[in-house]
Protein backbone atom coordinates (compact mmCIF):
# COMPACT_ATOMS: atom_id res chain seq x y z
CA MET A 1 39.57 118.43 75.70
CA SER A 2 42.83 120.23 76.64
CA SER A 3 45.30 118.70 79.06
CA SER A 4 45.11 121.82 81.23
CA HIS A 5 41.32 121.38 81.53
CA LEU A 6 41.75 117.72 82.50
CA SER A 7 44.41 118.71 85.00
CA ALA A 8 42.10 121.30 86.56
CA ARG A 9 39.22 118.82 86.81
CA GLY A 10 41.57 116.23 88.29
CA SER A 11 42.78 118.77 90.86
CA ARG A 12 39.19 119.56 91.83
CA LEU A 13 38.47 115.85 92.27
CA ALA A 14 41.59 115.46 94.40
CA ALA A 15 40.49 118.48 96.47
CA LEU A 16 37.06 116.90 97.01
CA VAL A 17 38.58 113.61 98.18
CA VAL A 18 41.16 115.28 100.41
CA GLY A 19 38.57 117.69 101.84
CA LEU A 20 36.11 114.98 102.84
CA CYS A 21 38.85 112.74 104.22
CA TRP A 22 40.28 115.74 106.11
CA LEU A 23 36.91 116.32 107.75
CA VAL A 24 36.53 112.78 109.10
CA VAL A 25 40.18 112.64 110.20
CA LEU A 26 39.56 115.90 112.11
CA PHE A 27 36.85 114.08 114.06
CA ASP A 28 39.20 111.10 114.43
CA GLY A 29 41.80 113.36 116.05
CA LEU A 30 39.23 114.95 118.35
CA ASP A 31 37.99 111.57 119.55
CA MET A 32 41.51 110.21 120.01
CA PHE A 33 43.01 113.16 121.90
CA VAL A 34 39.97 114.13 123.97
CA TYR A 35 40.78 111.44 126.55
CA GLY A 36 44.11 113.07 127.38
CA ALA A 37 42.44 116.50 127.48
CA VAL A 38 39.72 115.51 129.97
CA LEU A 39 41.84 113.08 131.98
CA PRO A 40 43.13 115.70 134.49
CA HIS A 41 39.51 116.69 135.22
CA MET A 42 38.45 113.06 135.57
CA LEU A 43 41.30 112.36 138.00
CA GLU A 44 40.55 115.52 140.00
CA GLU A 45 36.89 114.68 140.54
CA HIS A 46 37.64 110.96 140.88
CA ALA A 47 35.12 110.32 138.08
CA LEU A 48 33.79 106.74 138.01
CA GLY A 49 36.28 106.00 140.80
CA LEU A 50 39.20 106.49 138.41
CA GLU A 51 42.74 106.17 139.82
CA PRO A 52 46.00 107.16 138.04
CA SER A 53 47.08 103.53 137.76
CA GLN A 54 43.79 102.70 135.99
CA ALA A 55 43.99 105.72 133.68
CA GLY A 56 46.86 104.22 131.69
CA ASP A 57 44.89 101.03 131.14
CA LEU A 58 41.86 103.02 129.95
CA GLY A 59 44.05 104.90 127.50
CA SER A 60 45.35 101.60 126.16
CA TYR A 61 41.84 100.21 125.60
CA ALA A 62 41.28 102.64 122.73
CA THR A 63 44.69 102.00 121.22
CA PHE A 64 44.20 98.23 121.49
CA GLY A 65 40.95 98.63 119.58
CA MET A 66 42.86 100.75 117.06
CA LEU A 67 45.36 97.94 116.63
CA ILE A 68 42.59 95.50 115.68
CA GLY A 69 40.84 98.11 113.54
CA ALA A 70 43.98 99.02 111.60
CA LEU A 71 45.04 95.41 111.00
CA SER A 72 41.55 94.49 109.83
CA ALA A 73 40.78 97.58 107.78
CA GLY A 74 43.94 97.40 105.70
CA THR A 75 42.92 94.06 104.26
CA VAL A 76 39.14 94.70 104.25
CA THR A 77 39.50 97.88 102.18
CA ASP A 78 41.33 95.91 99.51
CA TRP A 79 38.27 93.61 99.38
CA VAL A 80 35.22 95.87 99.76
CA GLY A 81 36.45 99.37 98.95
CA ARG A 82 37.73 102.48 100.70
CA LYS A 83 34.44 104.39 100.93
CA LYS A 84 32.50 101.71 102.83
CA VAL A 85 35.26 101.38 105.41
CA ILE A 86 35.51 105.16 105.91
CA LEU A 87 31.74 105.36 106.47
CA SER A 88 31.68 102.41 108.85
CA CYS A 89 34.66 103.55 110.91
CA THR A 90 33.29 107.09 111.36
CA ALA A 91 29.92 105.75 112.50
CA VAL A 92 31.54 103.29 114.92
CA PHE A 93 33.73 105.75 116.84
CA SER A 94 30.90 108.32 116.96
CA LEU A 95 28.45 105.86 118.50
CA ALA A 96 31.13 104.59 120.88
CA SER A 97 31.64 108.15 122.15
CA ALA A 98 27.94 108.25 123.06
CA LEU A 99 28.50 105.10 125.11
CA CYS A 100 31.38 106.81 126.93
CA ALA A 101 29.23 109.88 127.60
CA VAL A 102 26.56 107.83 129.42
CA ALA A 103 28.92 105.28 131.01
CA PRO A 104 27.87 104.42 134.60
CA SER A 105 31.16 102.67 135.43
CA ILE A 106 34.81 102.38 134.43
CA GLY A 107 34.06 99.05 132.76
CA VAL A 108 31.44 100.53 130.42
CA PHE A 109 33.64 103.57 129.74
CA GLY A 110 36.54 101.27 128.86
CA LEU A 111 34.30 99.25 126.54
CA GLY A 112 33.28 102.47 124.79
CA ARG A 113 36.92 103.47 124.32
CA PHE A 114 37.78 100.03 122.93
CA ILE A 115 34.91 100.15 120.40
CA ALA A 116 35.90 103.71 119.45
CA GLY A 117 39.40 102.42 118.84
CA LEU A 118 38.11 99.91 116.30
CA GLY A 119 36.76 102.76 114.19
CA LEU A 120 39.66 105.12 114.82
CA GLY A 121 42.22 102.47 113.88
CA GLY A 122 40.53 101.62 110.61
CA LEU A 123 39.83 105.18 109.48
CA LEU A 124 43.30 106.71 109.33
CA PRO A 125 45.11 104.16 107.13
CA THR A 126 42.08 103.97 104.83
CA THR A 127 41.92 107.73 104.29
CA ILE A 128 45.69 107.83 103.76
CA THR A 129 45.33 105.20 101.06
CA MET A 130 42.47 107.09 99.43
CA VAL A 131 44.19 110.49 99.26
CA ALA A 132 47.48 108.93 98.14
CA GLU A 133 45.68 107.40 95.15
CA TYR A 134 44.05 110.69 94.15
CA ALA A 135 47.15 112.83 94.79
CA PRO A 136 48.63 114.70 91.80
CA ARG A 137 51.85 113.20 90.48
CA GLY A 138 54.84 114.06 92.67
CA ARG A 139 52.71 115.41 95.53
CA GLY A 140 51.85 112.21 97.40
CA ALA A 141 53.77 112.93 100.61
CA LEU A 142 52.54 116.53 100.68
CA ILE A 143 48.91 115.37 100.32
CA VAL A 144 49.36 112.80 103.11
CA GLY A 145 50.89 115.56 105.24
CA MET A 146 47.93 117.83 104.52
CA LEU A 147 45.56 115.04 105.53
CA MET A 148 47.42 114.47 108.77
CA THR A 149 47.06 118.15 109.70
CA ALA A 150 43.43 117.21 110.34
CA HIS A 151 44.53 114.82 113.07
CA GLN A 152 46.47 117.62 114.75
CA ALA A 153 43.57 120.04 114.24
CA GLY A 154 41.43 117.50 116.09
CA GLY A 155 44.03 117.51 118.85
CA ILE A 156 43.82 121.30 119.06
CA LEU A 157 40.04 121.08 119.20
CA SER A 158 40.30 118.51 122.01
CA GLY A 159 42.45 120.95 124.00
CA PHE A 160 39.77 123.62 123.73
CA VAL A 161 37.11 121.03 124.63
CA GLY A 162 39.17 120.18 127.72
CA LEU A 163 39.27 123.85 128.71
CA TRP A 164 35.56 124.40 127.99
CA THR A 165 34.32 121.33 129.90
CA GLY A 166 36.26 121.77 133.12
CA GLY A 167 33.30 121.64 135.54
CA ALA A 168 32.01 118.62 137.42
CA GLY A 169 30.83 116.03 134.94
CA GLY A 170 32.15 118.11 132.06
CA TRP A 171 33.97 115.09 130.63
CA ARG A 172 30.57 113.64 129.71
CA VAL A 173 29.79 116.78 127.70
CA ALA A 174 33.14 116.39 125.94
CA TYR A 175 32.21 112.90 124.77
CA TRP A 176 28.79 114.06 123.58
CA ILE A 177 30.64 116.57 121.39
CA CYS A 178 32.48 113.60 119.88
CA VAL A 179 29.16 112.19 118.61
CA VAL A 180 28.85 115.09 116.12
CA PRO A 181 30.62 113.22 113.25
CA LEU A 182 27.65 110.85 113.01
CA PHE A 183 25.47 113.75 111.88
CA ILE A 184 28.01 115.66 109.77
CA GLY A 185 30.82 113.42 108.52
CA VAL A 186 28.83 110.29 107.69
CA PRO A 187 26.16 111.99 105.51
CA LEU A 188 28.73 114.08 103.60
CA VAL A 189 30.98 111.10 102.87
CA ALA A 190 28.02 108.95 101.85
CA LYS A 191 26.80 111.55 99.36
CA PHE A 192 29.96 113.05 97.90
CA LEU A 193 33.02 110.82 98.37
CA PRO A 194 33.82 108.76 95.24
CA GLU A 195 35.23 105.26 95.47
CA SER A 196 38.90 104.75 94.62
CA MET A 197 39.30 104.18 90.86
CA SER A 198 42.49 102.25 91.54
CA PHE A 199 40.53 99.91 93.83
CA LEU A 200 37.83 99.41 91.20
CA LEU A 201 40.43 98.52 88.57
CA ALA A 202 42.26 96.23 91.00
CA ARG A 203 39.02 94.32 91.57
CA GLY A 204 38.25 94.09 87.85
CA ARG A 205 35.32 96.57 88.06
CA THR A 206 36.50 98.48 85.01
CA GLU A 207 33.09 99.80 83.93
CA GLU A 208 32.49 101.38 87.34
CA ALA A 209 35.89 103.05 87.16
CA ARG A 210 35.10 104.38 83.68
CA GLU A 211 31.76 105.74 84.84
CA LEU A 212 33.47 107.48 87.75
CA ALA A 213 36.09 108.98 85.42
CA ARG A 214 33.32 110.22 83.08
CA ARG A 215 31.32 111.69 85.94
CA TYR A 216 34.26 113.76 87.17
CA ASP A 217 35.78 114.29 83.71
CA VAL A 218 39.22 112.93 84.61
CA ASP A 219 41.61 110.31 83.28
CA MET A 220 41.56 106.80 84.70
CA PRO A 221 44.72 105.41 86.29
CA ALA A 222 46.66 103.14 83.93
CA PRO A 223 45.72 99.46 84.45
CA GLU A 224 48.12 97.33 86.42
CA ALA A 225 50.23 94.72 84.67
CA GLU A 226 49.44 92.05 87.23
CA ARG A 227 46.70 91.80 89.82
CA PRO A 228 45.97 89.02 92.31
CA ALA A 229 42.89 86.88 91.75
CA ALA A 230 39.87 87.87 93.81
CA GLY A 231 40.13 84.70 95.90
CA GLU A 232 43.75 85.29 96.89
CA ARG A 233 42.86 87.39 99.89
CA TRP A 234 46.23 87.17 101.60
CA SER A 235 48.37 87.65 98.51
CA ALA A 236 48.70 91.40 99.13
CA LEU A 237 50.08 90.74 102.62
CA ALA A 238 52.38 87.96 101.39
CA ALA A 239 53.75 90.33 98.74
CA LEU A 240 55.22 92.50 101.51
CA PHE A 241 57.66 89.69 102.37
CA ARG A 242 58.70 88.49 98.93
CA GLY A 243 62.35 88.62 97.98
CA ASN A 244 64.28 91.14 100.05
CA LEU A 245 61.16 93.15 100.94
CA TRP A 246 60.77 91.34 104.27
CA ARG A 247 63.65 93.34 105.78
CA THR A 248 62.21 96.71 104.77
CA THR A 249 58.72 95.66 105.87
CA LEU A 250 59.93 94.65 109.34
CA LEU A 251 61.99 97.83 109.76
CA PHE A 252 59.00 100.00 108.89
CA TRP A 253 56.87 97.98 111.32
CA LEU A 254 59.40 98.52 114.14
CA ALA A 255 59.68 102.23 113.34
CA SER A 256 55.89 102.53 113.36
CA PHE A 257 55.78 100.77 116.74
CA CYS A 258 58.14 103.34 118.23
CA GLY A 259 56.46 106.24 116.42
CA LEU A 260 52.96 105.44 117.64
CA LEU A 261 54.25 104.70 121.14
CA LEU A 262 55.48 108.30 121.06
CA VAL A 263 52.37 109.80 119.47
CA TYR A 264 49.84 108.21 121.81
CA GLY A 265 52.01 108.10 124.91
CA VAL A 266 52.79 111.81 124.69
CA SER A 267 49.27 112.76 123.55
CA ASN A 268 47.57 110.93 126.41
CA TRP A 269 49.91 111.98 129.18
CA LEU A 270 51.39 115.36 128.22
CA PRO A 271 48.96 117.48 130.31
CA THR A 272 49.21 115.17 133.33
CA MET A 273 53.01 114.80 133.16
CA MET A 274 53.51 118.53 132.67
CA ARG A 275 51.28 119.23 135.66
CA GLY A 276 53.30 116.73 137.67
CA ALA A 277 56.41 118.63 136.57
CA GLY A 278 55.07 121.75 138.30
CA TYR A 279 53.03 123.58 135.65
CA GLU A 280 49.48 124.86 136.32
CA LEU A 281 46.49 122.91 134.96
CA GLY A 282 45.58 125.69 132.50
CA SER A 283 49.11 125.74 131.10
CA SER A 284 49.21 121.95 130.94
CA LEU A 285 46.04 121.86 128.82
CA SER A 286 47.39 124.69 126.67
CA PHE A 287 50.39 122.50 125.88
CA VAL A 288 47.97 120.14 124.08
CA ILE A 289 46.93 122.99 121.79
CA VAL A 290 50.51 124.15 121.21
CA ILE A 291 51.96 120.70 120.46
CA ASN A 292 49.23 120.08 117.90
CA LEU A 293 49.76 123.51 116.32
CA GLY A 294 53.36 122.46 115.87
CA GLY A 295 52.09 119.21 114.42
CA ILE A 296 50.11 121.03 111.71
CA VAL A 297 53.14 123.08 110.67
CA GLY A 298 55.27 119.94 110.73
CA MET A 299 52.92 118.02 108.45
CA LEU A 300 53.06 120.70 105.77
CA VAL A 301 56.83 121.16 106.01
CA ALA A 302 57.56 117.43 106.13
CA GLY A 303 55.25 116.76 103.18
CA ARG A 304 57.03 119.25 100.96
CA PHE A 305 60.48 118.07 102.00
CA SER A 306 59.49 114.42 101.52
CA ASP A 307 58.23 114.99 97.98
CA ARG A 308 61.63 116.49 97.19
CA TYR A 309 64.08 114.41 99.23
CA GLY A 310 62.15 111.25 100.08
CA ALA A 311 59.94 110.41 103.06
CA PRO A 312 62.45 107.97 104.68
CA LEU A 313 65.15 110.66 104.91
CA VAL A 314 62.74 113.23 106.35
CA ALA A 315 61.29 110.72 108.83
CA THR A 316 64.81 109.89 110.05
CA ILE A 317 65.72 113.53 110.66
CA TRP A 318 62.33 114.27 112.21
CA PHE A 319 62.56 111.37 114.69
CA ALA A 320 66.05 112.47 115.75
CA ALA A 321 64.75 116.00 116.42
CA THR A 322 61.78 114.52 118.30
CA ALA A 323 64.16 112.67 120.63
CA VAL A 324 65.83 115.95 121.57
CA GLY A 325 62.54 117.79 122.06
CA VAL A 326 60.86 115.13 124.17
CA TYR A 327 63.92 114.80 126.39
CA LEU A 328 63.96 118.57 127.00
CA LEU A 329 60.32 118.45 128.16
CA GLY A 330 61.52 116.58 131.24
CA ILE A 331 63.59 119.62 132.27
CA HIS A 332 61.67 122.38 134.06
CA MET A 333 62.18 125.58 132.06
CA PRO A 334 60.64 129.08 132.03
CA LEU A 335 57.08 128.89 130.74
CA ALA A 336 57.74 130.84 127.52
CA LEU A 337 60.69 128.59 126.62
CA THR A 338 58.61 125.51 127.44
CA TYR A 339 55.94 126.61 124.96
CA VAL A 340 58.63 126.93 122.27
CA VAL A 341 59.99 123.45 122.99
CA VAL A 342 56.49 121.95 123.04
CA PHE A 343 55.70 123.58 119.67
CA LEU A 344 58.93 122.33 118.06
CA THR A 345 58.43 118.86 119.53
CA GLY A 346 54.96 118.72 117.97
CA LEU A 347 56.38 119.97 114.67
CA PHE A 348 58.63 116.92 114.42
CA LEU A 349 56.76 114.25 116.43
CA PHE A 350 53.51 113.80 114.52
CA SER A 351 54.85 114.33 111.01
CA ALA A 352 57.67 111.84 111.56
CA GLN A 353 55.10 109.08 111.95
CA ALA A 354 53.04 110.42 109.04
CA MET A 355 56.06 110.21 106.75
CA ILE A 356 56.37 106.50 107.56
CA TYR A 357 52.88 106.11 106.10
CA ALA A 358 53.86 108.25 103.10
CA ALA A 359 56.98 106.16 102.49
CA VAL A 360 55.05 102.89 102.63
CA ALA A 361 52.22 104.21 100.43
CA GLY A 362 54.74 105.45 97.88
CA ARG A 363 56.52 102.11 97.66
CA SER A 364 53.34 100.06 97.22
CA GLY A 365 51.10 99.32 94.23
CA ALA A 366 47.34 99.83 94.01
CA ASP A 367 46.67 96.13 94.52
CA ASN A 368 48.26 96.04 97.99
CA ARG A 369 48.72 99.68 99.05
CA ALA A 370 45.89 99.62 101.59
CA THR A 371 47.22 96.37 103.02
CA ALA A 372 50.77 97.77 103.31
CA VAL A 373 49.65 101.01 104.97
CA GLY A 374 47.10 99.22 107.14
CA TRP A 375 49.63 96.72 108.45
CA VAL A 376 52.37 99.26 109.14
CA SER A 377 49.76 101.29 111.02
CA GLY A 378 48.35 98.19 112.70
CA ILE A 379 51.69 96.85 113.92
CA GLY A 380 52.44 100.35 115.16
CA ARG A 381 49.29 100.10 117.27
CA PHE A 382 51.15 97.72 119.57
CA GLY A 383 53.27 100.75 120.40
CA ALA A 384 50.13 102.85 120.69
CA VAL A 385 48.81 100.37 123.27
CA PHE A 386 52.10 100.30 125.17
CA GLY A 387 52.68 104.08 125.21
CA PRO A 388 49.61 105.12 127.27
CA TRP A 389 50.13 102.17 129.62
CA LEU A 390 53.78 103.12 130.15
CA GLY A 391 52.85 106.74 130.82
CA GLY A 392 50.23 105.63 133.35
CA GLN A 393 52.70 103.47 135.24
CA LEU A 394 55.26 106.28 135.41
CA VAL A 395 52.68 108.85 136.55
CA ALA A 396 51.30 106.46 139.18
CA SER A 397 54.84 105.95 140.52
CA LYS A 398 55.49 109.74 140.53
CA ALA A 399 58.23 109.32 137.90
CA GLU A 400 56.93 111.74 135.25
CA GLY A 401 60.44 112.96 134.42
CA TRP A 402 61.52 109.44 133.50
CA GLY A 403 58.50 109.26 131.22
CA PHE A 404 59.97 111.90 128.93
CA THR A 405 63.31 110.06 128.91
CA ALA A 406 61.59 106.79 128.00
CA PHE A 407 59.75 108.46 125.12
CA ALA A 408 63.02 110.06 123.94
CA VAL A 409 64.62 106.59 123.77
CA ALA A 410 61.72 105.40 121.60
CA ALA A 411 62.40 108.31 119.22
CA VAL A 412 66.07 107.34 118.97
CA LEU A 413 65.13 103.74 118.10
CA ALA A 414 62.68 104.95 115.44
CA THR A 415 65.49 107.05 113.94
CA VAL A 416 67.68 103.96 113.60
CA PHE A 417 64.95 101.74 112.15
CA VAL A 418 63.86 104.20 109.45
CA SER A 419 67.44 104.97 108.46
CA LEU A 420 68.08 101.26 107.85
CA THR A 421 65.28 101.10 105.24
CA GLY A 422 67.35 103.30 102.93
CA LEU A 423 67.12 107.07 102.97
CA ARG A 424 66.23 107.55 99.32
CA SER A 425 62.86 106.54 97.90
CA PRO A 426 63.10 104.06 95.00
CA ARG A 427 62.39 105.56 91.58
CA ARG A 428 59.40 104.22 89.70
CA THR A 429 60.33 102.19 86.67
CA GLN A 430 58.35 100.95 83.75
CA GLY A 431 56.33 97.97 84.88
CA SER A 432 56.15 99.18 88.45
CA THR A 433 53.01 98.21 90.29
CA ALA A 434 52.27 101.82 91.24
CA PRO A 435 49.53 103.68 89.39
CA GLN A 436 51.18 105.55 86.54
CA ARG A 437 49.01 108.64 86.77
CA LEU A 438 47.85 108.84 90.35
CA SER A 439 51.15 107.71 91.80
CA THR A 440 52.73 109.01 94.99
CA THR A 441 56.33 109.65 95.84
CA GLY A 442 58.08 109.30 99.17
């Protein structure tokens, strides 16, 4: 069989994996951002007795659940497989949204958001790991960027949901919409998504990997030189701290903390803070759509640049630009200019964090890639918990302008942390633990 035919079949398999993962991450983004989109309506109608000071805590419930989900999923996927975790996480956050839709009190609503966070936190790092393993050689960061456009597309969808469900009790309708993945995403993933061949080889399930390669008529990844024994469940995590790697690991963790503080702090509170800054409610909700449109463009641009120049360098530049953009949002400007700044801020904000994931995935081998990505995402969830809480405190104290300054400082810190990891991605050498065929760069 010709190499061009194998390449075409491999590209179709990669497209299948990316397409299915994109779909569930779209629903992930919708579920995550819908809280910020419906929050102004909930505060206006005093839904469930909600006060601004409580709204920040509610936003943090989901991100705290995401912290636990991300930390757990990174290790669990290296034990049981990517596909099972993707299925489970999608089902969990869909069912949790149903609980939010029928919640009779703030306590039950908060419980629903926490449970949703467990699924949301586990899904994203697992899908990133999956698409990175199936990415064509030299296109790993671009493929991760393409996947992350789904998260921003979900954010755009949440903005429209916020506009469509503006009546009394409309927030309940919004959460019923978030149950849709249970009936679309879960069946499609169960039927069509293949398991990671790199995972199967890492677990010694060579025959299953061969059968998968035969079914899709593609090459298998080259076997790894060394793999941890099945019983050494924490060896993948320990490997992140061996030798001089501990310094890079901690710097990426700190950068992810600041990055996710930005992503979830801004996402949850942008409409409310912009309304507090004097913009109309309709414009404030439109900012959610615009910032996520910028995010989609940013993912594609950052992915291409990262495959060429290295994800750490791009993430550093992107975080610096984010600091400028977020700071400018605290200055009241003409509406047209504000839309431009919001778009450019989204272009840099979301893809900066995504390139941290791309950098970590590119520097890890198949035997611990999910653990590395899961933990950098999971540690970042501490920032994701803190960001919504911080925004809530500032809004409750009528200090929305300082909120943008605080988020800009977080972007400056992320710039410093990523730059200290080294701005060039290490070249793969013979004997590297990365898959030799389905490797990623960045």
